[in-house]
PDB file of all heavy atoms in Angstrom:
ATOM      1  N   LEU A   1       2.270 -12.247  -1.601  1.00  0.00           N
ATOM      2  CA  LEU A   1       1.143 -13.157  -1.360  1.00  0.00           C
ATOM      3  C   LEU A   1       1.523 -14.599  -1.683  1.00  0.00           C
ATOM      4  O   LEU A   1       1.212 -15.526  -0.924  1.00  0.00           O
ATOM      5  CB  LEU A   1      -0.070 -12.726  -2.181  1.00  0.00           C
ATOM      6  CG  LEU A   1      -1.346 -13.560  -1.987  1.00  0.00           C
ATOM      7  CD1 LEU A   1      -1.844 -13.489  -0.550  1.00  0.00           C
ATOM      8  CD2 LEU A   1      -2.444 -13.105  -2.956  1.00  0.00           C
ATOM      9  N   LYS A   2       2.223 -14.797  -2.801  1.00  0.00           N
ATOM     10  CA  LYS A   2       2.599 -16.134  -3.235  1.00  0.00           C
ATOM     11  C   LYS A   2       3.636 -16.755  -2.314  1.00  0.00           C
ATOM     12  O   LYS A   2       3.559 -17.936  -1.979  1.00  0.00           O
ATOM     13  CB  LYS A   2       3.144 -16.071  -4.667  1.00  0.00           C
ATOM     14  CG  LYS A   2       3.453 -17.432  -5.267  1.00  0.00           C
ATOM     15  CD  LYS A   2       3.936 -17.291  -6.708  1.00  0.00           C
ATOM     16  CE  LYS A   2       4.267 -18.657  -7.314  1.00  0.00           C
ATOM     17  NZ  LYS A   2       4.738 -18.515  -8.731  1.00  0.00           N
ATOM     18  N   TRP A   3       4.615 -15.978  -1.865  1.00  0.00           N
ATOM     19  CA  TRP A   3       5.728 -16.518  -1.078  1.00  0.00           C
ATOM     20  C   TRP A   3       5.432 -16.604   0.410  1.00  0.00           C
ATOM     21  O   TRP A   3       6.017 -17.433   1.104  1.00  0.00           O
ATOM     22  CB  TRP A   3       6.984 -15.670  -1.306  1.00  0.00           C
ATOM     23  CG  TRP A   3       7.576 -15.829  -2.668  1.00  0.00           C
ATOM     24  CD1 TRP A   3       6.998 -16.443  -3.747  1.00  0.00           C
ATOM     25  CD2 TRP A   3       8.834 -15.351  -3.127  1.00  0.00           C
ATOM     26  NE1 TRP A   3       7.826 -16.371  -4.849  1.00  0.00           N
ATOM     27  CE2 TRP A   3       8.981 -15.711  -4.485  1.00  0.00           C
ATOM     28  CE3 TRP A   3       9.871 -14.659  -2.522  1.00  0.00           C
ATOM     29  CZ2 TRP A   3      10.092 -15.393  -5.246  1.00  0.00           C
ATOM     30  CZ3 TRP A   3      10.998 -14.333  -3.271  1.00  0.00           C
ATOM     31  CH2 TRP A   3      11.103 -14.707  -4.622  1.00  0.00           C
ATOM     32  N   THR A   4       4.572 -15.734   0.922  1.00  0.00           N
ATOM     33  CA  THR A   4       4.311 -15.723   2.366  1.00  0.00           C
ATOM     34  C   THR A   4       2.861 -16.006   2.734  1.00  0.00           C
ATOM     35  O   THR A   4       2.572 -16.335   3.892  1.00  0.00           O
ATOM     36  CB  THR A   4       4.696 -14.372   2.989  1.00  0.00           C
ATOM     37  OG1 THR A   4       3.789 -13.339   2.548  1.00  0.00           O
ATOM     38  CG2 THR A   4       6.122 -13.977   2.609  1.00  0.00           C
ATOM     39  N   GLY A   5       1.935 -15.836   1.772  1.00  0.00           N
ATOM     40  CA  GLY A   5       0.515 -16.032   2.056  1.00  0.00           C
ATOM     41  C   GLY A   5      -0.158 -14.821   2.669  1.00  0.00           C
ATOM     42  O   GLY A   5      -1.332 -14.885   3.050  1.00  0.00           O
ATOM     43  N   ILE A   6       0.552 -13.700   2.764  1.00  0.00           N
ATOM     44  CA  ILE A   6       0.020 -12.500   3.416  1.00  0.00           C
ATOM     45  C   ILE A   6      -0.434 -11.471   2.370  1.00  0.00           C
ATOM     46  O   ILE A   6       0.369 -11.030   1.540  1.00  0.00           O
ATOM     47  CB  ILE A   6       1.081 -11.860   4.340  1.00  0.00           C
ATOM     48  CG1 ILE A   6       1.505 -12.848   5.428  1.00  0.00           C
ATOM     49  CG2 ILE A   6       0.538 -10.570   4.960  1.00  0.00           C
ATOM     50  CD1 ILE A   6       0.396 -13.288   6.355  1.00  0.00           C
ATOM     51  N   PRO A   7      -1.704 -11.045   2.400  1.00  0.00           N
ATOM     52  CA  PRO A   7      -2.176 -10.001   1.485  1.00  0.00           C
ATOM     53  C   PRO A   7      -1.686  -8.626   1.946  1.00  0.00           C
ATOM     54  O   PRO A   7      -1.564  -8.371   3.137  1.00  0.00           O
ATOM     55  CB  PRO A   7      -3.702 -10.106   1.585  1.00  0.00           C
ATOM     56  CG  PRO A   7      -3.947 -10.669   2.962  1.00  0.00           C
ATOM     57  CD  PRO A   7      -2.787 -11.569   3.269  1.00  0.00           C
ATOM     58  N   THR A   8      -1.418  -7.757   0.996  1.00  0.00           N
ATOM     59  CA  THR A   8      -0.892  -6.430   1.318  1.00  0.00           C
ATOM     60  C   THR A   8      -1.624  -5.342   0.546  1.00  0.00           C
ATOM     61  O   THR A   8      -2.300  -5.604  -0.449  1.00  0.00           O
ATOM     62  CB  THR A   8       0.613  -6.325   0.977  1.00  0.00           C
ATOM     63  OG1 THR A   8       0.797  -6.634  -0.424  1.00  0.00           O
ATOM     64  CG2 THR A   8       1.439  -7.269   1.831  1.00  0.00           C
ATOM     65  N   SER A   9      -1.472  -4.111   1.032  1.00  0.00           N
ATOM     66  CA  SER A   9      -1.886  -2.914   0.301  1.00  0.00           C
ATOM     67  C   SER A   9      -0.639  -2.083   0.065  1.00  0.00           C
ATOM     68  O   SER A   9       0.213  -1.971   0.952  1.00  0.00           O
ATOM     69  CB  SER A   9      -2.905  -2.103   1.106  1.00  0.00           C
ATOM     70  OG  SER A   9      -4.069  -2.864   1.335  1.00  0.00           O
ATOM     71  N   ILE A  10      -0.538  -1.485  -1.138  1.00  0.00           N
ATOM     72  CA  ILE A  10       0.677  -0.765  -1.505  1.00  0.00           C
ATOM     73  C   ILE A  10       0.324   0.627  -2.021  1.00  0.00           C
ATOM     74  O   ILE A  10      -0.478   0.776  -2.937  1.00  0.00           O
ATOM     75  CB  ILE A  10       1.479  -1.540  -2.568  1.00  0.00           C
ATOM     76  CG1 ILE A  10       1.891  -2.914  -2.005  1.00  0.00           C
ATOM     77  CG2 ILE A  10       2.709  -0.751  -3.009  1.00  0.00           C
ATOM     78  CD1 ILE A  10       2.624  -3.793  -2.991  1.00  0.00           C
ATOM     79  N   GLY A  11       0.943   1.632  -1.407  1.00  0.00           N
ATOM     80  CA  GLY A  11       0.805   3.008  -1.862  1.00  0.00           C
ATOM     81  C   GLY A  11       2.140   3.530  -2.349  1.00  0.00           C
ATOM     82  O   GLY A  11       3.162   3.347  -1.686  1.00  0.00           O
ATOM     83  N   ILE A  12       2.147   4.163  -3.526  1.00  0.00           N
ATOM     84  CA  ILE A  12       3.393   4.646  -4.131  1.00  0.00           C
ATOM     85  C   ILE A  12       3.282   6.143  -4.397  1.00  0.00           C
ATOM     86  O   ILE A  12       2.290   6.611  -4.978  1.00  0.00           O
ATOM     87  CB  ILE A  12       3.702   3.906  -5.447  1.00  0.00           C
ATOM     88  CG1 ILE A  12       3.684   2.383  -5.225  1.00  0.00           C
ATOM     89  CG2 ILE A  12       5.057   4.344  -6.006  1.00  0.00           C
ATOM     90  CD1 ILE A  12       3.688   1.580  -6.508  1.00  0.00           C
ATOM     91  N   ALA A  13       4.299   6.898  -3.980  1.00  0.00           N
ATOM     92  CA  ALA A  13       4.283   8.345  -4.174  1.00  0.00           C
ATOM     93  C   ALA A  13       5.702   8.900  -4.072  1.00  0.00           C
ATOM     94  O   ALA A  13       6.664   8.144  -3.852  1.00  0.00           O
ATOM     95  CB  ALA A  13       3.372   9.011  -3.144  1.00  0.00           C
ATOM     96  N   LYS A  14       5.816  10.236  -4.202  1.00  0.00           N
ATOM     97  CA  LYS A  14       7.131  10.883  -4.165  1.00  0.00           C
ATOM     98  C   LYS A  14       7.687  11.028  -2.753  1.00  0.00           C
ATOM     99  O   LYS A  14       8.884  11.195  -2.572  1.00  0.00           O
ATOM    100  CB  LYS A  14       7.054  12.267  -4.818  1.00  0.00           C
ATOM    101  CG  LYS A  14       6.811  12.254  -6.323  1.00  0.00           C
ATOM    102  CD  LYS A  14       6.775  13.668  -6.864  1.00  0.00           C
ATOM    103  CE  LYS A  14       6.526  13.698  -8.374  1.00  0.00           C
ATOM    104  NZ  LYS A  14       6.487  15.090  -8.889  1.00  0.00           N
ATOM    105  N   THR A  15       6.815  11.041  -1.757  1.00  0.00           N
ATOM    106  CA  THR A  15       7.253  11.219  -0.370  1.00  0.00           C
ATOM    107  C   THR A  15       6.645  10.137   0.511  1.00  0.00           C
ATOM    108  O   THR A  15       5.663   9.482   0.140  1.00  0.00           O
ATOM    109  CB  THR A  15       6.838  12.595   0.183  1.00  0.00           C
ATOM    110  OG1 THR A  15       5.415  12.631   0.358  1.00  0.00           O
ATOM    111  CG2 THR A  15       7.264  13.714  -0.762  1.00  0.00           C
ATOM    112  N   LYS A  16       7.200   9.974   1.726  1.00  0.00           N
ATOM    113  CA  LYS A  16       6.697   8.974   2.654  1.00  0.00           C
ATOM    114  C   LYS A  16       5.277   9.304   3.103  1.00  0.00           C
ATOM    115  O   LYS A  16       4.425   8.417   3.225  1.00  0.00           O
ATOM    116  CB  LYS A  16       7.631   8.849   3.864  1.00  0.00           C
ATOM    117  CG  LYS A  16       8.975   8.237   3.521  1.00  0.00           C
ATOM    118  CD  LYS A  16       9.962   8.331   4.668  1.00  0.00           C
ATOM    119  CE  LYS A  16       9.642   7.329   5.763  1.00  0.00           C
ATOM    120  NZ  LYS A  16      10.694   7.319   6.830  1.00  0.00           N
ATOM    121  N   THR A  17       5.000  10.592   3.339  1.00  0.00           N
ATOM    122  CA  THR A  17       3.671  10.999   3.780  1.00  0.00           C
ATOM    123  C   THR A  17       2.628  10.735   2.695  1.00  0.00           C
ATOM    124  O   THR A  17       1.538  10.238   2.982  1.00  0.00           O
ATOM    125  CB  THR A  17       3.662  12.491   4.174  1.00  0.00           C
ATOM    126  OG1 THR A  17       4.631  12.718   5.201  1.00  0.00           O
ATOM    127  CG2 THR A  17       2.294  12.915   4.678  1.00  0.00           C
ATOM    128  N   LEU A  18       2.971  11.054   1.438  1.00  0.00           N
ATOM    129  CA  LEU A  18       2.045  10.788   0.335  1.00  0.00           C
ATOM    130  C   LEU A  18       1.883   9.291   0.084  1.00  0.00           C
ATOM    131  O   LEU A  18       0.804   8.841  -0.307  1.00  0.00           O
ATOM    132  CB  LEU A  18       2.521  11.487  -0.937  1.00  0.00           C
ATOM    133  CG  LEU A  18       2.238  12.994  -1.038  1.00  0.00           C
ATOM    134  CD1 LEU A  18       2.852  13.570  -2.307  1.00  0.00           C
ATOM    135  CD2 LEU A  18       0.735  13.287  -0.998  1.00  0.00           C
ATOM    136  N   SER A  19       2.933   8.504   0.307  1.00  0.00           N
ATOM    137  CA  SER A  19       2.800   7.054   0.135  1.00  0.00           C
ATOM    138  C   SER A  19       1.871   6.480   1.200  1.00  0.00           C
ATOM    139  O   SER A  19       1.161   5.508   0.958  1.00  0.00           O
ATOM    140  CB  SER A  19       4.171   6.374   0.181  1.00  0.00           C
ATOM    141  OG  SER A  19       4.740   6.419   1.472  1.00  0.00           O
ATOM    142  N   LYS A  20       1.868   7.094   2.390  1.00  0.00           N
ATOM    143  CA  LYS A  20       0.903   6.719   3.430  1.00  0.00           C
ATOM    144  C   LYS A  20      -0.520   7.028   2.978  1.00  0.00           C
ATOM    145  O   LYS A  20      -1.444   6.235   3.195  1.00  0.00           O
ATOM    146  CB  LYS A  20       1.221   7.460   4.723  1.00  0.00           C
ATOM    147  CG  LYS A  20       2.212   6.781   5.633  1.00  0.00           C
ATOM    148  CD  LYS A  20       1.569   5.734   6.499  1.00  0.00           C
ATOM    149  CE  LYS A  20       2.402   5.230   7.606  1.00  0.00           C
ATOM    150  NZ  LYS A  20       1.725   4.230   8.476  1.00  0.00           N
ATOM    151  N   VAL A  21      -0.699   8.196   2.364  1.00  0.00           N
ATOM    152  CA  VAL A  21      -2.009   8.576   1.832  1.00  0.00           C
ATOM    153  C   VAL A  21      -2.446   7.573   0.765  1.00  0.00           C
ATOM    154  O   VAL A  21      -3.585   7.090   0.771  1.00  0.00           O
ATOM    155  CB  VAL A  21      -1.970  10.000   1.240  1.00  0.00           C
ATOM    156  CG1 VAL A  21      -3.258  10.288   0.448  1.00  0.00           C
ATOM    157  CG2 VAL A  21      -1.795  11.047   2.344  1.00  0.00           C
ATOM    158  N   ALA A  22      -1.532   7.260  -0.149  1.00  0.00           N
ATOM    159  CA  ALA A  22      -1.831   6.310  -1.222  1.00  0.00           C
ATOM    160  C   ALA A  22      -2.197   4.940  -0.658  1.00  0.00           C
ATOM    161  O   ALA A  22      -3.108   4.268  -1.146  1.00  0.00           O
ATOM    162  CB  ALA A  22      -0.629   6.198  -2.169  1.00  0.00           C
ATOM    163  N   ASN A  23      -1.489   4.531   0.387  1.00  0.00           N
ATOM    164  CA  ASN A  23      -1.767   3.236   1.010  1.00  0.00           C
ATOM    165  C   ASN A  23      -3.143   3.223   1.678  1.00  0.00           C
ATOM    166  O   ASN A  23      -3.862   2.224   1.634  1.00  0.00           O
ATOM    167  CB  ASN A  23      -0.683   2.905   2.034  1.00  0.00           C
ATOM    168  CG  ASN A  23      -0.790   1.486   2.553  1.00  0.00           C
ATOM    169  OD1 ASN A  23      -1.549   1.202   3.468  1.00  0.00           O
ATOM    170  ND2 ASN A  23      -0.018   0.598   1.976  1.00  0.00           N
ATOM    171  N   HIS A  24      -3.485   4.345   2.292  1.00  0.00           N
ATOM    172  CA  HIS A  24      -4.802   4.497   2.935  1.00  0.00           C
ATOM    173  C   HIS A  24      -5.917   4.286   1.916  1.00  0.00           C
ATOM    174  O   HIS A  24      -6.925   3.641   2.209  1.00  0.00           O
ATOM    175  CB  HIS A  24      -4.903   5.887   3.570  1.00  0.00           C
ATOM    176  CG  HIS A  24      -6.200   6.182   4.240  1.00  0.00           C
ATOM    177  ND1 HIS A  24      -6.584   5.600   5.438  1.00  0.00           N
ATOM    178  CD2 HIS A  24      -7.225   7.004   3.882  1.00  0.00           C
ATOM    179  CE1 HIS A  24      -7.770   6.052   5.781  1.00  0.00           C
ATOM    180  NE2 HIS A  24      -8.180   6.892   4.860  1.00  0.00           N
ATOM    181  N   ILE A  25      -5.711   4.801   0.713  1.00  0.00           N
ATOM    182  CA  ILE A  25      -6.698   4.640  -0.360  1.00  0.00           C
ATOM    183  C   ILE A  25      -6.675   3.209  -0.892  1.00  0.00           C
ATOM    184  O   ILE A  25      -7.710   2.613  -1.182  1.00  0.00           O
ATOM    185  CB  ILE A  25      -6.411   5.648  -1.497  1.00  0.00           C
ATOM    186  CG1 ILE A  25      -6.479   7.082  -0.967  1.00  0.00           C
ATOM    187  CG2 ILE A  25      -7.412   5.464  -2.641  1.00  0.00           C
ATOM    188  CD1 ILE A  25      -5.945   8.123  -1.943  1.00  0.00           C
ATOM    189  N   ALA A  26      -5.467   2.651  -1.013  1.00  0.00           N
ATOM    190  CA  ALA A  26      -5.294   1.302  -1.566  1.00  0.00           C
ATOM    191  C   ALA A  26      -6.035   0.237  -0.760  1.00  0.00           C
ATOM    192  O   ALA A  26      -6.502  -0.759  -1.309  1.00  0.00           O
ATOM    193  CB  ALA A  26      -3.807   0.957  -1.652  1.00  0.00           C
ATOM    194  N   LYS A  27      -6.137   0.450   0.548  1.00  0.00           N
ATOM    195  CA  LYS A  27      -6.820  -0.521   1.414  1.00  0.00           C
ATOM    196  C   LYS A  27      -8.290  -0.684   1.046  1.00  0.00           C
ATOM    197  O   LYS A  27      -8.902  -1.717   1.350  1.00  0.00           O
ATOM    198  CB  LYS A  27      -6.692  -0.097   2.878  1.00  0.00           C
ATOM    199  CG  LYS A  27      -5.309  -0.316   3.463  1.00  0.00           C
ATOM    200  CD  LYS A  27      -5.284   0.024   4.941  1.00  0.00           C
ATOM    201  CE  LYS A  27      -3.931  -0.252   5.548  1.00  0.00           C
ATOM    202  NZ  LYS A  27      -3.571  -1.702   5.497  1.00  0.00           N
ATOM    203  N   LYS A  28      -8.856   0.335   0.408  1.00  0.00           N
ATOM    204  CA  LYS A  28     -10.268   0.306   0.059  1.00  0.00           C
ATOM    205  C   LYS A  28     -10.502  -0.131  -1.381  1.00  0.00           C
ATOM    206  O   LYS A  28     -11.636  -0.202  -1.832  1.00  0.00           O
ATOM    207  CB  LYS A  28     -10.883   1.693   0.290  1.00  0.00           C
ATOM    208  CG  LYS A  28     -10.751   2.191   1.733  1.00  0.00           C
ATOM    209  CD  LYS A  28     -11.227   3.612   1.888  1.00  0.00           C
ATOM    210  CE  LYS A  28     -11.005   4.121   3.316  1.00  0.00           C
ATOM    211  NZ  LYS A  28     -11.406   5.548   3.477  1.00  0.00           N
ATOM    212  N   LYS A  29      -9.420  -0.399  -2.101  1.00  0.00           N
ATOM    213  CA  LYS A  29      -9.530  -0.809  -3.499  1.00  0.00           C
ATOM    214  C   LYS A  29      -9.230  -2.293  -3.659  1.00  0.00           C
ATOM    215  O   LYS A  29      -8.355  -2.845  -2.996  1.00  0.00           O
ATOM    216  CB  LYS A  29      -8.575   0.007  -4.380  1.00  0.00           C
ATOM    217  CG  LYS A  29      -8.988   1.467  -4.540  1.00  0.00           C
ATOM    218  CD  LYS A  29      -8.112   2.167  -5.535  1.00  0.00           C
ATOM    219  CE  LYS A  29      -8.603   3.579  -5.825  1.00  0.00           C
ATOM    220  NZ  LYS A  29      -9.878   3.579  -6.589  1.00  0.00           N
TER     221      LYS A  29
END
């Protein structure tokens, strides 16, 4: 955000599919 001005959502998990799930939730938080 500081370097580019772009807001992001970040999901972290053990697998790519679970990180997608985490990111899906992060967008609402």
